[in-house]
Amino acid sequence: MDERHLLNELMKAVTEEAREFTVRPHFPGLKKFAAFAYVAERFGYRYVGHAPGNAALNNPFFLFVRMSDARERAAALQADQQQASGRRPLPGMRPGLGLTPVPEARPQVELLYSQMVVDASGRYNPRVLSNILILPVVMAIFLIFPGYTVRNVLVAVGIWLAFFAFYLVGLGVTRRRRRTHLNRLAAAGVEWPPRIDA
């Protein structure tokens, strides 16, 4: 269902020749979304990261920008689909399997996936730490009701330490994944995140 929604947004942008479009995927995982970004690029829309102003959201909008040869790309694909009898698969995808790339497209989809992982790692920011640091204040307020006994305070401290440990583990995993995917992109000659010239 979400694949159809994403493809409808793409086709709407192609038809209207929109300069850019944003989508928010609702299915779990970025691999399918990377396959969608591959299809969008075949139609002339390049993935450029999170839409401005919402990168800190847990499920942000993703921005696709129209390429200079978008009209030619879309026309060639649509002409190819009209010549074929029956329903044609999405470009670079397996027939009947939606957003599942063929082996030839998999390397490009993997690079798009790496770009998305690098973008996602940017969401693990100081805002997450500030939420952890506010937690003792919230627990202190809730301890007013049962009372500040040694046992209750120790339970609250234990809960906070558990959250802080999860934060540190998550930060370590996120930094490691970011480094791995940045190295993969650098080895392929892809500069990410893209440099924006003012």
Protein backbone atom coordinates (compact mmCIF):
# COMPACT_ATOMS: atom_id res chain seq x y z
CA MET A 1 0.00 0.00 0.00
CA ASP A 2 2.76 2.45 0.90
CA GLU A 3 4.67 1.54 -2.27
CA ARG A 4 1.65 2.56 -4.30
CA HIS A 5 1.39 5.86 -2.39
CA LEU A 6 5.07 6.64 -3.07
CA LEU A 7 4.76 5.77 -6.75
CA ASN A 8 1.62 7.89 -7.05
CA GLU A 9 3.51 10.87 -5.58
CA LEU A 10 6.35 10.27 -8.04
CA MET A 11 4.01 10.00 -11.04
CA LYS A 12 2.19 13.15 -9.93
CA ALA A 13 5.52 15.03 -9.82
CA VAL A 14 6.51 13.62 -13.24
CA THR A 15 3.17 14.61 -14.80
CA GLU A 16 3.22 18.12 -13.31
CA GLU A 17 6.96 18.48 -14.00
CA ALA A 18 7.34 19.65 -10.40
CA ARG A 19 10.72 21.15 -9.47
CA GLU A 20 10.81 18.98 -6.33
CA PHE A 21 8.60 16.75 -4.25
CA THR A 22 8.68 15.40 -0.72
CA VAL A 23 7.46 12.07 0.61
CA ARG A 24 7.33 10.40 3.98
CA PRO A 25 7.63 6.61 3.80
CA HIS A 26 5.48 4.65 6.21
CA PHE A 27 6.93 1.17 5.75
CA PRO A 28 9.71 0.04 8.08
CA GLY A 29 13.26 0.05 6.81
CA LEU A 30 15.17 2.13 4.32
CA LYS A 31 16.03 -0.61 1.81
CA LYS A 32 12.65 -0.44 0.06
CA PHE A 33 12.79 3.33 0.18
CA ALA A 34 16.25 3.23 -1.42
CA ALA A 35 14.72 1.12 -4.22
CA PHE A 36 12.02 3.78 -4.60
CA ALA A 37 14.73 6.47 -4.82
CA TYR A 38 16.34 4.42 -7.60
CA VAL A 39 13.05 4.35 -9.52
CA ALA A 40 12.55 8.09 -8.92
CA GLU A 41 16.00 8.76 -10.36
CA ARG A 42 15.11 6.79 -13.49
CA PHE A 43 12.15 9.16 -13.90
CA GLY A 44 14.38 12.20 -13.36
CA TYR A 45 14.12 12.95 -9.63
CA ARG A 46 17.26 12.66 -7.49
CA TYR A 47 17.20 11.96 -3.76
CA VAL A 48 18.89 14.82 -1.88
CA GLY A 49 18.18 13.99 1.77
CA HIS A 50 15.75 15.23 4.37
CA ALA A 51 13.44 18.09 3.49
CA PRO A 52 14.58 21.32 5.20
CA GLY A 53 13.11 21.95 8.63
CA ASN A 54 12.13 18.42 9.62
CA ALA A 55 15.36 16.42 9.78
CA ALA A 56 15.01 16.02 13.56
CA LEU A 57 11.66 14.23 13.29
CA ASN A 58 11.64 10.49 13.92
CA ASN A 59 10.03 9.96 10.51
CA PRO A 60 11.03 12.98 8.41
CA PHE A 61 10.00 13.93 4.90
CA PHE A 62 12.51 13.11 2.18
CA LEU A 63 13.25 15.52 -0.64
CA PHE A 64 13.60 14.66 -4.33
CA VAL A 65 14.76 17.33 -6.80
CA ARG A 66 14.07 17.34 -10.53
CA MET A 67 17.13 16.67 -12.68
CA SER A 68 17.88 18.68 -15.82
CA ASP A 69 17.09 15.73 -18.12
CA ALA A 70 13.94 14.63 -16.27
CA ARG A 71 11.60 15.20 -19.20
CA GLU A 72 13.73 13.01 -21.51
CA ARG A 73 14.08 10.26 -18.90
CA ALA A 74 10.35 10.14 -18.20
CA ALA A 75 9.44 10.23 -21.91
CA ALA A 76 11.82 7.36 -22.71
CA LEU A 77 10.42 5.22 -19.88
CA GLN A 78 6.82 5.95 -20.80
CA ALA A 79 7.49 5.19 -24.49
CA ASP A 80 9.14 1.92 -23.50
CA GLN A 81 6.12 0.98 -21.37
CA GLN A 82 3.68 1.78 -24.19
CA GLN A 83 5.59 -0.44 -26.63
CA ALA A 84 5.54 -3.39 -24.27
CA SER A 85 2.37 -5.42 -24.14
CA GLY A 86 0.91 -5.87 -20.69
CA ARG A 87 2.16 -4.35 -17.50
CA ARG A 88 5.84 -3.41 -17.36
CA PRO A 89 7.84 -3.66 -14.13
CA LEU A 90 9.28 -0.56 -12.54
CA PRO A 91 12.69 0.36 -13.99
CA GLY A 92 15.39 -1.73 -12.32
CA MET A 93 12.88 -3.74 -10.27
CA ARG A 94 11.80 -7.38 -10.46
CA PRO A 95 8.47 -7.99 -12.21
CA GLY A 96 5.60 -8.55 -9.78
CA LEU A 97 7.70 -7.90 -6.68
CA GLY A 98 7.22 -4.15 -6.34
CA LEU A 99 10.32 -2.38 -5.07
CA THR A 100 12.70 -5.35 -5.21
CA PRO A 101 15.76 -4.48 -7.33
CA VAL A 102 17.18 -6.70 -10.05
CA PRO A 103 20.84 -7.71 -9.54
CA GLU A 104 22.06 -5.07 -12.02
CA ALA A 105 20.39 -2.25 -10.05
CA ARG A 106 21.38 -3.50 -6.60
CA PRO A 107 24.75 -1.63 -6.38
CA GLN A 108 23.07 1.73 -7.08
CA VAL A 109 20.26 0.92 -4.63
CA GLU A 110 22.88 0.04 -1.99
CA LEU A 111 24.57 3.42 -2.49
CA LEU A 112 21.22 5.18 -2.09
CA TYR A 113 20.64 3.11 1.05
CA SER A 114 24.02 4.25 2.41
CA GLN A 115 23.07 7.87 1.75
CA MET A 116 19.84 7.36 3.69
CA VAL A 117 21.64 5.69 6.61
CA VAL A 118 24.04 8.65 6.83
CA ASP A 119 21.04 11.00 6.81
CA ALA A 120 19.26 8.95 9.48
CA SER A 121 22.33 8.98 11.72
CA GLY A 122 22.06 12.76 11.83
CA ARG A 123 18.77 12.41 13.72
CA TYR A 124 20.65 10.99 16.72
CA ASN A 125 21.49 14.47 17.90
CA PRO A 126 21.73 16.50 21.13
CA ARG A 127 17.92 16.65 21.26
CA VAL A 128 17.91 12.96 22.18
CA LEU A 129 20.43 13.61 24.96
CA SER A 130 18.39 16.56 26.24
CA ASN A 131 15.37 14.25 26.55
CA ILE A 132 17.46 11.85 28.64
CA LEU A 133 18.70 14.70 30.83
CA ILE A 134 15.15 15.98 31.42
CA LEU A 135 14.04 12.53 32.60
CA PRO A 136 15.31 13.00 36.22
CA VAL A 137 13.16 16.14 36.54
CA VAL A 138 10.11 14.23 35.32
CA MET A 139 10.84 11.35 37.69
CA ALA A 140 11.32 13.77 40.60
CA ILE A 141 7.86 15.19 39.93
CA PHE A 142 6.33 11.71 39.87
CA LEU A 143 8.14 10.77 43.09
CA ILE A 144 6.15 13.45 44.91
CA PHE A 145 3.09 11.17 44.95
CA PRO A 146 4.55 7.98 46.49
CA GLY A 147 7.15 9.91 48.48
CA TYR A 148 10.90 10.29 48.38
CA THR A 149 11.95 7.08 50.05
CA VAL A 150 15.42 5.64 49.51
CA ARG A 151 13.91 2.70 47.62
CA ASN A 152 11.87 4.91 45.27
CA VAL A 153 14.82 7.19 44.56
CA LEU A 154 17.07 4.18 43.83
CA VAL A 155 14.47 2.77 41.43
CA ALA A 156 14.25 6.15 39.66
CA VAL A 157 18.07 6.38 39.43
CA GLY A 158 18.18 2.82 38.07
CA ILE A 159 15.61 3.66 35.41
CA TRP A 160 17.53 6.78 34.42
CA LEU A 161 20.85 4.89 34.26
CA ALA A 162 19.21 2.26 32.02
CA PHE A 163 17.95 4.96 29.64
CA PHE A 164 21.38 6.63 29.65
CA ALA A 165 23.08 3.29 28.92
CA PHE A 166 20.68 2.71 26.00
CA TYR A 167 21.53 6.19 24.74
CA LEU A 168 25.28 5.51 24.87
CA VAL A 169 24.92 2.14 23.13
CA GLY A 170 22.68 3.71 20.47
CA LEU A 171 25.16 6.54 19.96
CA GLY A 172 28.02 4.07 19.51
CA VAL A 173 26.08 1.92 17.04
CA THR A 174 24.91 4.98 15.10
CA ARG A 175 28.42 6.42 14.81
CA ARG A 176 29.80 3.06 13.67
CA ARG A 177 27.08 2.64 11.02
CA ARG A 178 27.60 6.21 9.83
CA ARG A 179 31.35 5.67 9.47
CA THR A 180 30.80 2.37 7.60
CA HIS A 181 28.34 3.90 5.14
CA LEU A 182 30.42 7.06 4.64
CA ASN A 183 33.39 4.83 3.78
CA ARG A 184 31.24 2.88 1.31
CA LEU A 185 30.11 6.12 -0.34
CA ALA A 186 33.66 7.51 -0.45
CA ALA A 187 34.94 4.28 -2.06
CA ALA A 188 32.26 4.67 -4.75
CA GLY A 189 33.19 8.33 -5.31
CA VAL A 190 29.91 9.68 -3.91
CA GLU A 191 30.15 12.88 -1.89
CA TRP A 192 27.50 12.72 0.84
CA PRO A 193 25.90 14.69 2.32
CA PRO A 194 25.76 16.81 -0.81
CA ARG A 195 27.49 20.15 -0.65
CA ILE A 196 25.01 23.00 -1.06
CA ASP A 197 26.49 26.04 -2.77
CA ALA A 198 25.03 29.36 -1.64
